[in-house]
């Protein structure tokens, strides 16, 4: 019982004087959510596998699918770049755009329609005629980033 009287006295002391007048105070709370953009590979070949027919034809077509996770209301950029390798150039088709990569990077602007967006792309790898059939490192890089 002595302990409960002590706790009550402590509570009264901490509460301070009691007054008939009550005041009000306000404060604002702000939250900053960092922008986050990630690209998830759903389907993309690990290698560029070329047959004699592909080399004779001069190109190889491949499809890929990605999921872009984006919390920025401004959307994001998906960068597609050609890496040195088996292709002289890469034609990129998808989401209403068609571009040819030789030595530069293509920026695809994705508006923020949803937190997760599917990005299907078609690639045509225009081949060096001096190639031999075989498996090559995919001469392509795809990344997503904030605007």
N, C-alpha and C. Protein backbone atom coordinates (compact mmCIF):
# COMPACT_ATOMS: atom_id res chain seq x y z
N UNK A 1 0.80 -1.18 0.00
CA UNK A 1 0.00 0.00 0.00
C UNK A 1 0.86 1.26 0.00
N UNK A 2 1.97 1.24 0.74
CA UNK A 2 2.88 2.38 0.77
C UNK A 2 3.40 2.71 -0.62
N UNK A 3 3.61 1.70 -1.41
CA UNK A 3 4.13 1.91 -2.76
C UNK A 3 3.09 2.61 -3.63
N UNK A 4 1.81 2.30 -3.52
CA UNK A 4 0.80 2.93 -4.36
C UNK A 4 0.59 4.39 -3.96
N UNK A 5 0.73 4.72 -2.67
CA UNK A 5 0.61 6.11 -2.25
C UNK A 5 1.80 6.91 -2.80
N UNK A 6 2.99 6.32 -2.79
CA UNK A 6 4.18 6.98 -3.33
C UNK A 6 4.05 7.22 -4.83
N UNK A 7 3.51 6.27 -5.54
CA UNK A 7 3.34 6.41 -7.00
C UNK A 7 2.30 7.49 -7.30
N UNK A 8 1.25 7.57 -6.48
CA UNK A 8 0.22 8.60 -6.69
C UNK A 8 0.82 9.98 -6.43
N UNK A 9 1.60 10.11 -5.38
CA UNK A 9 2.24 11.39 -5.07
C UNK A 9 3.19 11.80 -6.18
N UNK A 10 3.95 10.84 -6.72
CA UNK A 10 4.87 11.13 -7.81
C UNK A 10 4.11 11.59 -9.05
N UNK A 11 3.00 10.96 -9.34
CA UNK A 11 2.19 11.34 -10.49
C UNK A 11 1.66 12.76 -10.35
N UNK A 12 1.23 13.14 -9.14
CA UNK A 12 0.72 14.49 -8.90
C UNK A 12 1.85 15.50 -9.06
N UNK A 13 3.04 15.20 -8.55
CA UNK A 13 4.17 16.11 -8.67
C UNK A 13 4.59 16.31 -10.12
N UNK A 14 4.60 15.21 -10.89
CA UNK A 14 5.00 15.31 -12.29
C UNK A 14 3.97 16.06 -13.12
N UNK A 15 2.72 15.94 -12.76
CA UNK A 15 1.66 16.59 -13.52
C UNK A 15 1.71 18.10 -13.36
N UNK A 16 2.26 18.57 -12.25
CA UNK A 16 2.36 20.00 -12.04
C UNK A 16 1.07 20.55 -11.46
N UNK A 17 1.02 21.86 -11.30
CA UNK A 17 -0.17 22.46 -10.68
C UNK A 17 -1.38 22.30 -11.59
N UNK A 18 -2.51 22.11 -10.95
CA UNK A 18 -3.76 21.95 -11.68
C UNK A 18 -4.44 23.30 -11.69
N UNK A 19 -4.91 23.71 -12.85
CA UNK A 19 -5.53 25.01 -12.98
C UNK A 19 -6.87 24.86 -13.68
N UNK A 20 -7.74 25.80 -13.44
CA UNK A 20 -9.04 25.77 -14.11
C UNK A 20 -8.89 26.16 -15.57
N UNK A 21 -7.85 26.90 -15.91
CA UNK A 21 -7.64 27.30 -17.30
C UNK A 21 -6.85 26.23 -18.03
N UNK A 22 -7.27 25.91 -19.20
CA UNK A 22 -6.59 24.90 -20.02
C UNK A 22 -6.07 25.61 -21.29
N UNK A 23 -4.87 25.33 -21.66
CA UNK A 23 -4.33 25.88 -22.88
C UNK A 23 -4.22 24.81 -23.96
N UNK A 24 -4.05 25.21 -25.17
CA UNK A 24 -3.89 24.27 -26.26
C UNK A 24 -2.61 24.60 -27.00
N UNK A 25 -1.99 23.57 -27.47
CA UNK A 25 -0.78 23.75 -28.26
C UNK A 25 -0.89 22.85 -29.49
N UNK A 26 -0.34 23.26 -30.56
CA UNK A 26 -0.36 22.45 -31.78
C UNK A 26 1.05 22.24 -32.28
N UNK A 27 1.23 21.23 -33.04
CA UNK A 27 2.53 20.98 -33.66
C UNK A 27 2.30 20.26 -34.99
N UNK A 28 3.23 20.42 -35.88
CA UNK A 28 3.13 19.80 -37.20
C UNK A 28 4.10 18.63 -37.28
N UNK A 29 3.69 17.64 -38.00
CA UNK A 29 4.52 16.47 -38.21
C UNK A 29 4.77 16.36 -39.71
N UNK A 30 6.01 16.21 -40.10
CA UNK A 30 6.36 16.03 -41.50
C UNK A 30 7.06 14.70 -41.69
N UNK A 31 6.75 14.07 -42.79
CA UNK A 31 7.37 12.78 -43.11
C UNK A 31 7.99 12.90 -44.49
N UNK A 32 9.23 12.51 -44.61
CA UNK A 32 9.90 12.48 -45.90
C UNK A 32 10.15 11.02 -46.26
N UNK A 33 9.62 10.63 -47.39
CA UNK A 33 9.82 9.27 -47.86
C UNK A 33 10.86 9.32 -48.98
N UNK A 34 11.98 8.65 -48.80
CA UNK A 34 13.01 8.70 -49.85
C UNK A 34 12.51 8.03 -51.13
N UNK A 35 12.93 8.59 -52.25
CA UNK A 35 12.57 8.03 -53.55
C UNK A 35 13.27 6.68 -53.71
N UNK A 36 12.51 5.71 -54.17
CA UNK A 36 13.09 4.38 -54.37
C UNK A 36 12.61 3.83 -55.70
N UNK A 37 13.55 3.44 -56.53
CA UNK A 37 13.27 2.85 -57.82
C UNK A 37 14.12 1.60 -57.96
N UNK A 38 13.48 0.48 -58.25
CA UNK A 38 14.23 -0.76 -58.49
C UNK A 38 13.70 -1.44 -59.74
N UNK A 39 14.56 -2.19 -60.37
CA UNK A 39 14.21 -2.95 -61.57
C UNK A 39 14.40 -4.43 -61.26
N UNK A 40 13.36 -5.18 -61.46
CA UNK A 40 13.41 -6.63 -61.23
C UNK A 40 13.34 -7.34 -62.58
N UNK A 41 14.29 -8.20 -62.86
CA UNK A 41 14.30 -8.96 -64.10
C UNK A 41 13.34 -10.14 -63.94
N UNK A 42 12.31 -10.16 -64.77
CA UNK A 42 11.35 -11.26 -64.76
C UNK A 42 11.78 -12.31 -65.77
N UNK A 43 12.15 -11.83 -66.95
CA UNK A 43 12.57 -12.72 -68.03
C UNK A 43 13.60 -12.00 -68.89
N UNK A 44 14.78 -12.53 -68.93
CA UNK A 44 15.85 -11.99 -69.78
C UNK A 44 16.88 -13.09 -69.96
N UNK A 45 17.24 -13.40 -71.18
CA UNK A 45 18.26 -14.44 -71.36
C UNK A 45 19.58 -14.04 -70.71
N UNK A 46 20.27 -15.02 -70.16
CA UNK A 46 21.57 -14.75 -69.53
C UNK A 46 22.65 -14.57 -70.59
N UNK A 47 22.45 -15.21 -71.74
CA UNK A 47 23.45 -15.13 -72.81
C UNK A 47 22.75 -14.92 -74.15
N UNK A 48 23.55 -14.47 -75.09
CA UNK A 48 23.10 -14.35 -76.48
C UNK A 48 23.64 -15.58 -77.21
N UNK A 49 22.74 -16.52 -77.48
CA UNK A 49 23.13 -17.78 -78.14
C UNK A 49 22.86 -17.62 -79.63
N UNK A 50 23.93 -17.73 -80.43
CA UNK A 50 23.83 -17.50 -81.87
C UNK A 50 24.07 -18.79 -82.65
N UNK A 51 23.19 -19.02 -83.62
CA UNK A 51 23.36 -20.15 -84.53
C UNK A 51 23.96 -19.62 -85.84
N UNK A 52 24.35 -20.54 -86.72
CA UNK A 52 24.86 -20.15 -88.04
C UNK A 52 23.78 -19.41 -88.82
N UNK A 53 22.51 -19.82 -88.66
CA UNK A 53 21.40 -19.14 -89.33
C UNK A 53 21.26 -17.70 -88.83
N UNK A 54 21.40 -17.48 -87.52
CA UNK A 54 21.32 -16.12 -86.96
C UNK A 54 22.39 -15.23 -87.58
N UNK A 55 23.60 -15.73 -87.67
CA UNK A 55 24.72 -14.94 -88.20
C UNK A 55 24.52 -14.66 -89.68
N UNK A 56 24.05 -15.67 -90.43
CA UNK A 56 23.78 -15.48 -91.86
C UNK A 56 22.66 -14.45 -92.06
N UNK A 57 21.64 -14.47 -91.21
CA UNK A 57 20.51 -13.53 -91.30
C UNK A 57 20.98 -12.13 -90.89
N UNK A 58 21.94 -12.05 -89.98
CA UNK A 58 22.49 -10.76 -89.57
C UNK A 58 21.90 -10.20 -88.28
N UNK A 59 20.98 -10.91 -87.66
CA UNK A 59 20.40 -10.42 -86.41
C UNK A 59 19.81 -11.57 -85.60
N UNK A 60 19.57 -11.26 -84.32
CA UNK A 60 18.92 -12.20 -83.40
C UNK A 60 17.93 -11.39 -82.58
N UNK A 61 16.66 -11.86 -82.55
CA UNK A 61 15.62 -11.21 -81.77
C UNK A 61 15.45 -11.90 -80.43
N UNK A 62 15.30 -11.10 -79.37
CA UNK A 62 15.05 -11.62 -78.02
C UNK A 62 14.01 -10.74 -77.33
N UNK A 63 13.25 -11.36 -76.44
CA UNK A 63 12.28 -10.64 -75.62
C UNK A 63 12.74 -10.65 -74.17
N UNK A 64 12.34 -9.62 -73.45
CA UNK A 64 12.64 -9.55 -72.02
C UNK A 64 11.47 -8.85 -71.33
N UNK A 65 11.30 -9.18 -70.05
CA UNK A 65 10.27 -8.53 -69.24
C UNK A 65 10.88 -8.14 -67.90
N UNK A 66 10.52 -6.95 -67.47
CA UNK A 66 11.01 -6.41 -66.21
C UNK A 66 9.84 -5.87 -65.41
N UNK A 67 10.02 -5.80 -64.09
CA UNK A 67 9.09 -5.10 -63.22
C UNK A 67 9.84 -3.92 -62.64
N UNK A 68 9.23 -2.74 -62.75
CA UNK A 68 9.83 -1.53 -62.21
C UNK A 68 9.02 -1.12 -60.99
N UNK A 69 9.68 -1.07 -59.84
CA UNK A 69 9.07 -0.63 -58.58
C UNK A 69 9.48 0.82 -58.38
N UNK A 70 8.48 1.72 -58.24
CA UNK A 70 8.77 3.14 -58.23
C UNK A 70 7.81 3.86 -57.29
N UNK A 71 8.33 4.59 -56.32
CA UNK A 71 7.45 5.34 -55.42
C UNK A 71 7.50 6.85 -55.67
N UNK A 72 8.13 7.28 -56.76
CA UNK A 72 8.24 8.71 -57.06
C UNK A 72 7.07 9.14 -57.96
N UNK A 73 6.32 10.15 -57.53
CA UNK A 73 5.17 10.58 -58.33
C UNK A 73 5.59 11.15 -59.68
N UNK A 74 6.86 11.50 -59.84
CA UNK A 74 7.36 12.02 -61.12
C UNK A 74 7.70 10.91 -62.11
N UNK A 75 7.60 9.68 -61.69
CA UNK A 75 7.98 8.56 -62.55
C UNK A 75 9.45 8.23 -62.38
N UNK A 76 9.99 7.54 -63.35
CA UNK A 76 11.41 7.17 -63.28
C UNK A 76 11.97 7.01 -64.69
N UNK A 77 13.27 6.78 -64.76
CA UNK A 77 13.94 6.52 -66.03
C UNK A 77 14.44 5.09 -66.05
N UNK A 78 14.26 4.45 -67.19
CA UNK A 78 14.86 3.14 -67.43
C UNK A 78 15.93 3.39 -68.48
N UNK A 79 17.15 3.04 -68.14
CA UNK A 79 18.29 3.24 -69.04
C UNK A 79 18.66 1.91 -69.67
N UNK A 80 18.73 1.91 -71.01
CA UNK A 80 19.13 0.73 -71.76
C UNK A 80 20.42 1.08 -72.48
N UNK A 81 21.45 0.29 -72.27
CA UNK A 81 22.76 0.57 -72.85
C UNK A 81 23.32 -0.66 -73.53
N UNK A 82 24.08 -0.42 -74.59
CA UNK A 82 24.78 -1.50 -75.29
C UNK A 82 26.15 -1.67 -74.67
N UNK A 83 26.50 -2.91 -74.40
CA UNK A 83 27.85 -3.22 -73.93
C UNK A 83 28.62 -3.82 -75.10
N UNK A 84 29.94 -3.66 -75.09
CA UNK A 84 30.74 -4.25 -76.16
C UNK A 84 30.51 -5.76 -76.22
N UNK A 85 30.49 -6.26 -77.43
CA UNK A 85 30.29 -7.70 -77.58
C UNK A 85 29.87 -8.06 -78.99
N UNK A 86 28.98 -9.01 -79.08
CA UNK A 86 28.61 -9.62 -80.35
C UNK A 86 27.75 -8.75 -81.25
N UNK A 87 27.16 -7.69 -80.73
CA UNK A 87 26.23 -6.88 -81.52
C UNK A 87 26.85 -5.55 -81.95
N UNK A 88 26.68 -5.21 -83.24
CA UNK A 88 27.09 -3.89 -83.73
C UNK A 88 26.15 -2.82 -83.21
N UNK A 89 24.88 -3.17 -83.14
CA UNK A 89 23.86 -2.26 -82.63
C UNK A 89 22.70 -3.10 -82.08
N UNK A 90 21.85 -2.43 -81.34
CA UNK A 90 20.68 -3.10 -80.75
C UNK A 90 19.47 -2.23 -81.00
N UNK A 91 18.46 -2.81 -81.62
CA UNK A 91 17.18 -2.12 -81.78
C UNK A 91 16.32 -2.46 -80.57
N UNK A 92 15.73 -1.44 -79.97
CA UNK A 92 14.91 -1.61 -78.77
C UNK A 92 13.48 -1.21 -79.11
N UNK A 93 12.55 -2.11 -78.84
CA UNK A 93 11.13 -1.83 -79.07
C UNK A 93 10.36 -2.12 -77.79
N UNK A 94 9.38 -1.29 -77.53
CA UNK A 94 8.53 -1.51 -76.38
C UNK A 94 7.97 -0.22 -75.84
N UNK A 95 6.87 -0.32 -75.17
CA UNK A 95 6.12 0.79 -74.58
C UNK A 95 6.04 2.02 -75.49
N UNK A 96 5.75 1.78 -76.74
CA UNK A 96 5.53 2.87 -77.67
C UNK A 96 6.78 3.54 -78.20
N UNK A 97 7.94 2.99 -77.91
CA UNK A 97 9.19 3.58 -78.41
C UNK A 97 9.95 2.58 -79.26
N UNK A 98 10.70 3.11 -80.20
CA UNK A 98 11.61 2.30 -81.01
C UNK A 98 12.90 3.11 -81.13
N UNK A 99 14.00 2.51 -80.77
CA UNK A 99 15.28 3.22 -80.82
C UNK A 99 16.38 2.23 -81.21
N UNK A 100 17.48 2.77 -81.70
CA UNK A 100 18.64 1.96 -82.06
C UNK A 100 19.82 2.41 -81.21
N UNK A 101 20.41 1.44 -80.52
CA UNK A 101 21.59 1.69 -79.70
C UNK A 101 22.84 1.34 -80.48
N UNK A 102 23.76 2.28 -80.58
CA UNK A 102 25.06 1.99 -81.18
C UNK A 102 26.11 2.18 -80.08
N UNK A 103 26.33 3.40 -79.67
CA UNK A 103 27.31 3.68 -78.60
C UNK A 103 26.70 4.45 -77.44
N UNK A 104 25.45 4.77 -77.52
CA UNK A 104 24.87 5.61 -76.49
C UNK A 104 23.90 4.84 -75.61
N UNK A 105 23.16 5.57 -74.81
CA UNK A 105 22.21 5.01 -73.86
C UNK A 105 20.82 5.55 -74.22
N UNK A 106 19.82 4.71 -74.10
CA UNK A 106 18.44 5.15 -74.31
C UNK A 106 17.81 5.35 -72.94
N UNK A 107 17.17 6.50 -72.76
CA UNK A 107 16.40 6.77 -71.54
C UNK A 107 14.93 6.61 -71.87
N UNK A 108 14.26 5.74 -71.16
CA UNK A 108 12.82 5.55 -71.32
C UNK A 108 12.16 6.12 -70.07
N UNK A 109 11.32 7.14 -70.26
CA UNK A 109 10.62 7.74 -69.11
C UNK A 109 9.35 6.93 -68.85
N UNK A 110 9.23 6.44 -67.63
CA UNK A 110 8.01 5.75 -67.20
C UNK A 110 7.26 6.67 -66.25
N UNK A 111 6.06 7.11 -66.63
CA UNK A 111 5.28 7.90 -65.68
C UNK A 111 4.85 7.01 -64.52
N UNK A 112 4.53 7.61 -63.41
CA UNK A 112 4.13 6.83 -62.23
C UNK A 112 2.65 6.49 -62.36
N UNK A 113 2.35 5.40 -63.04
CA UNK A 113 0.97 4.93 -63.16
C UNK A 113 0.60 4.05 -61.98
N UNK A 114 1.57 3.33 -61.48
CA UNK A 114 1.37 2.41 -60.35
C UNK A 114 2.71 2.20 -59.67
N UNK A 115 2.68 1.67 -58.46
CA UNK A 115 3.92 1.42 -57.74
C UNK A 115 4.77 0.38 -58.47
N UNK A 116 4.13 -0.63 -59.08
CA UNK A 116 4.84 -1.67 -59.83
C UNK A 116 4.30 -1.65 -61.26
N UNK A 117 5.23 -1.51 -62.21
CA UNK A 117 4.85 -1.51 -63.62
C UNK A 117 5.60 -2.60 -64.36
N UNK A 118 4.90 -3.28 -65.24
CA UNK A 118 5.55 -4.28 -66.09
C UNK A 118 6.15 -3.56 -67.29
N UNK A 119 7.36 -3.95 -67.65
CA UNK A 119 8.06 -3.34 -68.78
C UNK A 119 8.50 -4.44 -69.73
N UNK A 120 7.71 -4.72 -70.78
CA UNK A 120 8.14 -5.70 -71.78
C UNK A 120 8.94 -5.00 -72.88
N UNK A 121 10.09 -5.53 -73.19
CA UNK A 121 10.92 -4.95 -74.26
C UNK A 121 11.32 -6.04 -75.24
N UNK A 122 11.45 -5.63 -76.50
CA UNK A 122 11.94 -6.51 -77.57
C UNK A 122 13.27 -5.95 -78.04
N UNK A 123 14.24 -6.85 -78.22
CA UNK A 123 15.57 -6.45 -78.67
C UNK A 123 15.92 -7.18 -79.96
N UNK A 124 16.46 -6.44 -80.90
CA UNK A 124 17.04 -7.04 -82.10
C UNK A 124 18.53 -6.71 -82.08
N UNK A 125 19.34 -7.74 -81.94
CA UNK A 125 20.78 -7.59 -81.91
C UNK A 125 21.29 -7.72 -83.34
N UNK A 126 21.81 -6.62 -83.89
CA UNK A 126 22.39 -6.63 -85.23
C UNK A 126 23.82 -7.12 -85.08
N UNK A 127 24.13 -8.23 -85.75
CA UNK A 127 25.35 -8.99 -85.47
C UNK A 127 26.53 -8.60 -86.35
N UNK A 128 27.71 -8.79 -85.78
CA UNK A 128 28.95 -8.69 -86.55
C UNK A 128 29.02 -9.91 -87.47
N UNK A 129 29.33 -9.72 -88.71
CA UNK A 129 29.38 -10.84 -89.67
C UNK A 129 30.55 -11.79 -89.42
N UNK A 130 31.56 -11.34 -88.68
CA UNK A 130 32.74 -12.17 -88.43
C UNK A 130 32.53 -13.15 -87.27
N UNK A 131 31.36 -13.14 -86.64
CA UNK A 131 31.10 -14.03 -85.50
C UNK A 131 31.00 -15.49 -85.91
N UNK A 132 31.31 -16.33 -84.97
CA UNK A 132 31.10 -17.76 -85.11
C UNK A 132 29.93 -18.15 -84.21
N UNK A 133 29.19 -19.21 -84.57
CA UNK A 133 28.10 -19.64 -83.69
C UNK A 133 28.62 -19.94 -82.28
N UNK A 134 27.77 -19.69 -81.29
CA UNK A 134 28.15 -19.94 -79.91
C UNK A 134 27.35 -19.09 -78.95
N UNK A 135 27.73 -19.12 -77.68
CA UNK A 135 27.07 -18.36 -76.63
C UNK A 135 27.97 -17.19 -76.23
N UNK A 136 27.38 -16.02 -76.14
CA UNK A 136 28.12 -14.79 -75.82
C UNK A 136 27.45 -14.09 -74.64
N UNK A 137 28.25 -13.31 -73.92
CA UNK A 137 27.67 -12.49 -72.85
C UNK A 137 26.65 -11.54 -73.48
N UNK A 138 25.52 -11.38 -72.83
CA UNK A 138 24.48 -10.49 -73.36
C UNK A 138 25.03 -9.07 -73.43
N UNK A 139 25.10 -8.49 -74.64
CA UNK A 139 25.71 -7.16 -74.80
C UNK A 139 24.72 -6.04 -74.48
N UNK A 140 24.11 -6.12 -73.31
CA UNK A 140 23.01 -5.22 -72.97
C UNK A 140 22.98 -4.98 -71.47
N UNK A 141 22.65 -3.75 -71.10
CA UNK A 141 22.49 -3.41 -69.68
C UNK A 141 21.19 -2.63 -69.54
N UNK A 142 20.36 -3.01 -68.57
CA UNK A 142 19.10 -2.32 -68.31
C UNK A 142 19.07 -1.96 -66.83
N UNK A 143 18.78 -0.70 -66.52
CA UNK A 143 18.74 -0.22 -65.14
C UNK A 143 17.63 0.81 -65.00
N UNK A 144 17.10 0.95 -63.79
CA UNK A 144 16.07 1.96 -63.50
C UNK A 144 16.59 2.90 -62.42
N UNK A 145 16.20 4.19 -62.52
CA UNK A 145 16.65 5.18 -61.55
C UNK A 145 15.66 6.33 -61.47
N UNK A 146 15.72 7.09 -60.39
CA UNK A 146 14.85 8.26 -60.27
C UNK A 146 15.18 9.30 -61.32
N UNK A 147 14.22 10.15 -61.59
CA UNK A 147 14.43 11.24 -62.56
C UNK A 147 15.27 12.32 -61.91
